[in-house]
Amino acid sequence: MSPVIKRKGEKFTLPGKYLLFILTILCSVMMLVTFGTDVFNKPLNTAVGYLVVPFQQGIGKIGEWLSNRSEELVQIRALLDENARLKEEIAALTEENTLLQQDKYELNRLRELVELDEQYASYHKVGARIIGRDSGNWYSAFIIDKGEAEGLDTDMNVIAGGGLVGRITAVGPNWAKVTSIISDNSNVSAMTLSTEDNMTVSGDLKLMANGCISFKQLMDGQDLVREGDKVVTSDISDKYLPNILIGYISSIDKDANNLTKSGQIVPAVDFEHLGEVLVITDRKQTADMELD
C-alpha cells in the first residue's frame, strides 16, 4: 500500500494506529532508560527537593503546631479546673477565717467583760447583747436583748470595755433601751479620781468625731488636775453608782470667770465598737439604802 501524499494546501493527518504505535515505542524506551540508567535521577531529585520536601516540612510543622496546641488546651483545661478548685478552697478558708476572727473578737470582748465584772465585783450584773441602735456612727442610744424578765429597770447603770457606757432609759419584757454618756442630752456628775474635784461631764456627738466628750464646772483652785487624770462617777450623782470610770482628761481650759475650768475627756469605752455590755442591777437608791 503506498503512503498517502497530500497535495500543497491540504491538511496532513496521521492515522490513529500509527500514533498509538509511536507512543508505545516511546514509553517503552523511556521505561528501559529509567530502569536501566540513572539519567533522570538527578533532575527528579532536584524536582523533589524543590517541591516535595518543602511541602512535607510544612505538613510536619503544621502537625507539630496542632499537637502543641492540643497539649496546651489540655493543660489549660487542667489549670482552669485547678483554679476553680482553688477558688472554692479559698472561699471556704476565707469564711472559716472570718468566723475564727469573729470568735476571737467576741472572746476578747467577753474577756474584757469578765475583767470588768471582777473590777466591779461588789455589784450584781447581767450580761446583754446589743441588738439595735440609733442611726449614726456612735452608740449614743441602743437596744439590748434583756429586759424586765431578767429584772432590768430604768436608771440601771450599763458598763462595757473600760468603764461607764450609760444607763437604761426604757425597758420592755425582753428588751431595754440604753442612753449612753456621749448622747447630747446626757449629763453625769463626776470627779477626778486623784483629787476628788467635782465636775459635770456632758455628752457631745460633735466632739465624738474627735473621740472626746466635754466636762465643765471643774473646781480646781490649786491647779492639781492634770491631763491624763482619771474621771469617775461621783458620790453625789443621783443616777450613777460611784467610782465607775468615765475616761481620761485630754485638755483643760480656764473659764472666763477664772473660778472654774472646762475641757475634754477621752471616754474609757470605745463607743464606735460595742457588742456586749453588763447591766448593773443595783440602782443608786438601793446602793445608798444599803450603805445607810
Protein backbone atom coordinates (compact mmCIF):
# COMPACT_ATOMS: atom_id res chain seq x y z
CA MET A 1 0.00 0.00 0.00
CA SER A 2 1.60 3.28 -1.00
CA PRO A 3 1.65 6.17 1.50
CA VAL A 4 -0.84 8.92 1.01
CA ILE A 5 0.77 12.04 -0.33
CA LYS A 6 -1.07 15.24 0.35
CA ARG A 7 -1.02 17.98 -2.09
CA LYS A 8 0.02 21.50 -1.29
CA GLY A 9 -2.59 23.30 0.80
CA GLU A 10 -4.16 20.12 2.11
CA LYS A 11 -4.08 19.25 5.86
CA PHE A 12 -1.79 16.32 6.87
CA THR A 13 -3.47 13.69 9.09
CA LEU A 14 -1.56 10.85 10.81
CA PRO A 15 -3.68 7.75 11.21
CA GLY A 16 -4.54 6.84 14.82
CA LYS A 17 -2.92 3.41 14.75
CA TYR A 18 0.45 4.94 13.80
CA LEU A 19 0.21 7.50 16.60
CA LEU A 20 -0.54 4.79 19.15
CA PHE A 21 2.34 2.71 17.90
CA ILE A 22 4.76 5.63 18.18
CA LEU A 23 3.66 6.45 21.76
CA THR A 24 4.01 2.79 22.77
CA ILE A 25 7.54 2.67 21.44
CA LEU A 26 8.39 5.97 23.18
CA CYS A 27 7.07 4.80 26.55
CA SER A 28 8.94 1.51 26.24
CA VAL A 29 12.17 3.30 25.52
CA MET A 30 11.63 5.67 28.48
CA MET A 31 10.96 2.75 30.80
CA LEU A 32 14.10 0.97 29.67
CA VAL A 33 16.15 4.12 30.11
CA THR A 34 14.64 4.82 33.54
CA PHE A 35 15.19 1.32 34.94
CA GLY A 36 18.48 0.72 33.18
CA THR A 37 20.22 4.04 33.78
CA ASP A 38 20.25 6.98 36.25
CA VAL A 39 19.93 9.67 33.59
CA PHE A 40 16.69 11.03 35.21
CA ASN A 41 17.68 10.62 38.83
CA LYS A 42 19.29 13.99 39.31
CA PRO A 43 16.52 16.01 37.61
CA LEU A 44 13.88 14.11 39.59
CA ASN A 45 15.80 14.52 42.82
CA THR A 46 16.08 18.21 42.17
CA ALA A 47 12.36 18.48 41.46
CA VAL A 48 11.59 16.55 44.61
CA GLY A 49 13.95 18.79 46.58
CA TYR A 50 12.24 21.93 45.43
CA LEU A 51 8.64 20.74 45.54
CA VAL A 52 8.03 17.71 47.71
CA VAL A 53 10.44 18.30 50.63
CA PRO A 54 9.21 21.83 51.50
CA PHE A 55 5.64 20.54 51.29
CA GLN A 56 6.47 17.69 53.67
CA GLN A 57 8.26 20.07 56.00
CA GLY A 58 5.23 22.38 56.02
CA ILE A 59 2.91 19.49 56.78
CA GLY A 60 5.26 18.38 59.58
CA LYS A 61 5.34 21.85 61.13
CA ILE A 62 1.56 22.16 60.93
CA GLY A 63 1.21 18.77 62.62
CA GLU A 64 3.69 19.76 65.32
CA TRP A 65 1.85 23.08 65.91
CA LEU A 66 -1.51 21.29 66.14
CA SER A 67 -0.02 18.77 68.56
CA ASN A 68 1.40 21.58 70.75
CA ARG A 69 -1.91 23.44 70.70
CA SER A 70 -3.71 20.25 71.69
CA GLU A 71 -1.35 19.75 74.63
CA GLU A 72 -1.77 23.41 75.62
CA LEU A 73 -5.56 23.06 75.54
CA VAL A 74 -5.33 20.02 77.78
CA GLN A 75 -3.07 21.98 80.18
CA ILE A 76 -5.40 24.99 80.07
CA ARG A 77 -8.40 22.82 80.93
CA ALA A 78 -6.44 21.27 83.79
CA LEU A 79 -5.40 24.73 85.02
CA LEU A 80 -8.98 26.01 84.80
CA ASP A 81 -10.21 23.04 86.83
CA GLU A 82 -7.41 23.57 89.36
CA ASN A 83 -8.19 27.29 89.51
CA ALA A 84 -11.88 26.61 90.17
CA ARG A 85 -10.98 24.12 92.91
CA LEU A 86 -8.55 26.59 94.50
CA LYS A 87 -11.17 29.34 94.40
CA GLU A 88 -13.58 27.09 96.25
CA GLU A 89 -10.91 26.28 98.82
CA ILE A 90 -10.03 29.98 99.21
CA ALA A 91 -13.70 30.87 99.69
CA ALA A 92 -14.07 28.14 102.32
CA LEU A 93 -10.87 29.20 104.09
CA THR A 94 -11.92 32.87 103.95
CA GLU A 95 -15.26 32.04 105.52
CA GLU A 96 -13.57 29.90 108.16
CA ASN A 97 -11.03 32.65 108.86
CA THR A 98 -13.81 35.23 109.18
CA LEU A 99 -15.65 33.03 111.65
CA LEU A 100 -12.45 32.49 113.62
CA GLN A 101 -11.79 36.23 113.69
CA GLN A 102 -15.34 36.88 114.85
CA ASP A 103 -14.90 34.26 117.56
CA LYS A 104 -11.60 35.87 118.53
CA TYR A 105 -13.11 39.37 118.75
CA GLU A 106 -16.08 38.07 120.68
CA LEU A 107 -13.77 36.17 123.02
CA ASN A 108 -11.72 39.33 123.59
CA ARG A 109 -14.87 41.33 124.31
CA LEU A 110 -16.12 38.66 126.70
CA ARG A 111 -12.72 38.59 128.37
CA GLU A 112 -12.94 42.36 128.85
CA LEU A 113 -16.40 41.95 130.36
CA VAL A 114 -15.08 39.30 132.73
CA GLU A 115 -12.28 41.63 133.81
CA LEU A 116 -14.80 44.45 134.20
CA ASP A 117 -17.04 42.16 136.22
CA GLU A 118 -14.14 41.42 138.53
CA GLN A 119 -13.28 45.14 138.75
CA TYR A 120 -16.79 45.94 139.97
CA ALA A 121 -17.30 42.68 141.83
CA SER A 122 -19.38 44.30 144.59
CA TYR A 123 -22.24 44.97 142.17
CA HIS A 124 -24.73 42.48 140.78
CA LYS A 125 -24.66 42.38 136.99
CA VAL A 126 -26.45 40.86 133.99
CA GLY A 127 -24.76 40.39 130.62
CA ALA A 128 -26.60 41.55 127.49
CA ARG A 129 -26.04 41.80 123.76
CA ILE A 130 -26.77 44.89 121.67
CA ILE A 131 -29.46 44.13 119.07
CA GLY A 132 -30.17 47.61 117.67
CA ARG A 133 -29.04 51.21 117.79
CA ASP A 134 -29.87 54.69 116.53
CA SER A 135 -28.53 55.83 113.18
CA GLY A 136 -25.02 57.24 113.09
CA ASN A 137 -21.51 56.05 113.77
CA TRP A 138 -21.77 56.08 117.54
CA TYR A 139 -23.69 54.05 120.09
CA SER A 140 -25.37 57.09 121.62
CA ALA A 141 -28.57 55.07 122.17
CA PHE A 142 -29.13 51.37 121.61
CA ILE A 143 -31.31 48.37 122.43
CA ILE A 144 -30.17 45.30 124.36
CA ASP A 145 -31.73 41.82 124.41
CA LYS A 146 -32.57 41.74 128.13
CA GLY A 147 -35.48 43.38 129.92
CA GLU A 148 -38.00 43.04 132.72
CA ALA A 149 -37.86 39.24 132.54
CA GLU A 150 -34.24 39.41 133.72
CA GLY A 151 -35.04 42.00 136.42
CA LEU A 152 -33.86 45.08 134.49
CA ASP A 153 -35.34 48.51 135.19
CA THR A 154 -34.81 52.14 134.28
CA ASP A 155 -31.76 54.03 135.61
CA MET A 156 -29.71 50.88 135.97
CA ASN A 157 -26.10 51.61 135.03
CA VAL A 158 -24.52 49.96 131.99
CA ILE A 159 -20.80 49.27 131.65
CA ALA A 160 -18.56 47.76 128.99
CA GLY A 161 -14.95 47.76 127.86
CA GLY A 162 -13.11 50.08 130.18
CA GLY A 163 -15.94 51.64 132.12
CA LEU A 164 -19.26 53.51 132.06
CA VAL A 165 -21.48 53.29 128.97
CA GLY A 166 -24.71 54.89 130.20
CA ARG A 167 -28.00 53.95 131.85
CA ILE A 168 -31.28 52.27 130.96
CA THR A 169 -33.93 54.83 130.00
CA ALA A 170 -36.72 52.49 128.84
CA VAL A 171 -37.46 48.81 129.42
CA GLY A 172 -39.76 46.15 127.97
CA PRO A 173 -40.42 42.47 128.68
CA ASN A 174 -37.31 41.24 126.82
CA TRP A 175 -35.53 44.43 125.78
CA ALA A 176 -34.19 47.65 127.21
CA LYS A 177 -33.05 50.98 125.76
CA VAL A 178 -29.73 52.40 126.90
CA THR A 179 -28.82 56.08 126.58
CA SER A 180 -25.05 56.45 126.65
CA ILE A 181 -22.99 59.21 128.24
CA ILE A 182 -21.97 60.53 124.81
CA SER A 183 -25.56 61.45 123.92
CA ASP A 184 -26.16 65.20 123.57
CA ASN A 185 -28.76 65.19 126.38
CA SER A 186 -26.56 63.28 128.83
CA ASN A 187 -25.06 64.84 131.95
CA VAL A 188 -23.12 62.91 134.58
CA SER A 189 -21.94 64.14 137.98
CA ALA A 190 -18.26 63.18 138.05
CA MET A 191 -15.00 63.83 139.82
CA THR A 192 -11.29 63.42 139.29
CA LEU A 193 -10.06 60.24 140.93
CA SER A 194 -6.81 61.76 142.19
CA THR A 195 -8.16 64.98 143.76
CA GLU A 196 -11.91 64.22 144.04
CA ASP A 197 -12.70 67.60 142.48
CA ASN A 198 -16.24 67.61 141.17
CA MET A 199 -17.32 68.39 137.60
CA THR A 200 -20.14 67.72 135.16
CA VAL A 201 -19.48 65.50 132.17
CA SER A 202 -21.69 66.21 129.16
CA GLY A 203 -22.24 64.20 126.02
CA ASP A 204 -21.34 65.83 122.71
CA LEU A 205 -21.73 63.89 119.46
CA LYS A 206 -19.89 66.59 117.51
CA LEU A 207 -16.86 66.24 119.79
CA MET A 208 -17.08 62.46 119.41
CA ALA A 209 -15.88 62.95 115.84
CA ASN A 210 -12.54 63.59 117.57
CA GLY A 211 -13.14 60.83 120.13
CA CYS A 212 -13.98 63.18 123.03
CA ILE A 213 -16.78 64.41 125.25
CA SER A 214 -16.73 67.57 127.36
CA PHE A 215 -16.63 68.48 131.02
CA LYS A 216 -17.39 71.78 132.82
CA GLN A 217 -17.65 73.37 136.25
CA LEU A 218 -14.41 71.83 137.49
CA MET A 219 -13.35 73.50 140.76
CA ASP A 220 -9.56 73.25 140.75
CA GLY A 221 -8.30 76.24 142.69
CA GLN A 222 -4.86 74.72 143.35
CA ASP A 223 -4.28 73.58 139.74
CA LEU A 224 -3.77 69.98 140.81
CA VAL A 225 -5.75 68.39 138.00
CA ARG A 226 -3.62 67.36 135.02
CA GLU A 227 -4.18 65.99 131.57
CA GLY A 228 -4.40 62.21 131.72
CA ASP A 229 -6.12 62.14 135.11
CA LYS A 230 -8.92 59.62 135.52
CA VAL A 231 -12.51 60.84 135.76
CA VAL A 232 -15.07 58.68 137.59
CA THR A 233 -18.70 58.99 138.64
CA SER A 234 -19.04 60.97 141.85
CA ASP A 235 -20.77 60.11 145.10
CA ILE A 236 -23.33 62.88 144.59
CA SER A 237 -24.66 61.55 141.27
CA ASP A 238 -28.37 60.78 141.51
CA LYS A 239 -28.39 58.25 138.63
CA TYR A 240 -24.95 56.67 138.58
CA LEU A 241 -23.17 54.50 141.11
CA PRO A 242 -19.92 55.97 142.44
CA ASN A 243 -16.37 55.40 141.20
CA ILE A 244 -17.20 53.99 137.78
CA LEU A 245 -14.53 55.04 135.31
CA ILE A 246 -15.72 57.54 132.68
CA GLY A 247 -12.48 58.43 130.92
CA TYR A 248 -9.29 60.48 130.92
CA ILE A 249 -8.84 64.26 130.76
CA SER A 250 -7.33 65.27 127.43
CA SER A 251 -7.47 69.08 127.71
CA ILE A 252 -8.15 71.72 130.39
CA ASP A 253 -9.13 75.37 129.87
CA LYS A 254 -9.86 78.12 132.38
CA ASP A 255 -13.33 79.60 132.12
CA ALA A 256 -13.94 83.31 131.69
CA ASN A 257 -14.97 83.63 135.35
CA ASN A 258 -11.49 82.45 136.46
CA LEU A 259 -13.23 80.24 139.03
CA THR A 260 -13.95 77.07 137.12
CA LYS A 261 -12.38 75.05 134.35
CA SER A 262 -13.71 73.10 131.41
CA GLY A 263 -12.22 70.81 128.82
CA GLN A 264 -12.45 67.47 127.10
CA ILE A 265 -12.36 63.82 128.17
CA VAL A 266 -11.47 60.72 126.16
CA PRO A 267 -14.06 58.07 127.15
CA ALA A 268 -12.77 54.77 128.51
CA VAL A 269 -15.31 52.93 126.34
CA ASP A 270 -14.99 52.57 122.57
CA PHE A 271 -18.43 53.91 121.59
CA GLU A 272 -17.86 53.07 117.95
CA HIS A 273 -17.49 49.33 118.55
CA LEU A 274 -19.86 47.83 121.09
CA GLY A 275 -21.28 44.34 121.08
CA GLU A 276 -21.90 43.14 124.61
CA VAL A 277 -22.48 45.08 127.84
CA LEU A 278 -23.00 44.47 131.54
CA VAL A 279 -26.03 45.91 133.30
CA ILE A 280 -25.55 46.65 137.00
CA THR A 281 -28.84 45.64 138.60
CA ASP A 282 -28.05 47.59 141.80
CA ARG A 283 -29.51 51.08 141.40
CA LYS A 284 -28.16 54.17 143.09
CA GLN A 285 -31.04 54.48 145.52
CA THR A 286 -30.69 50.81 146.52
CA ALA A 287 -26.95 51.21 146.99
CA ASP A 288 -27.45 54.25 149.19
CA MET A 289 -30.01 52.42 151.32
CA GLU A 290 -27.60 49.50 151.79
CA LEU A 291 -24.84 51.90 152.81
CA ASP A 292 -27.15 53.59 155.30
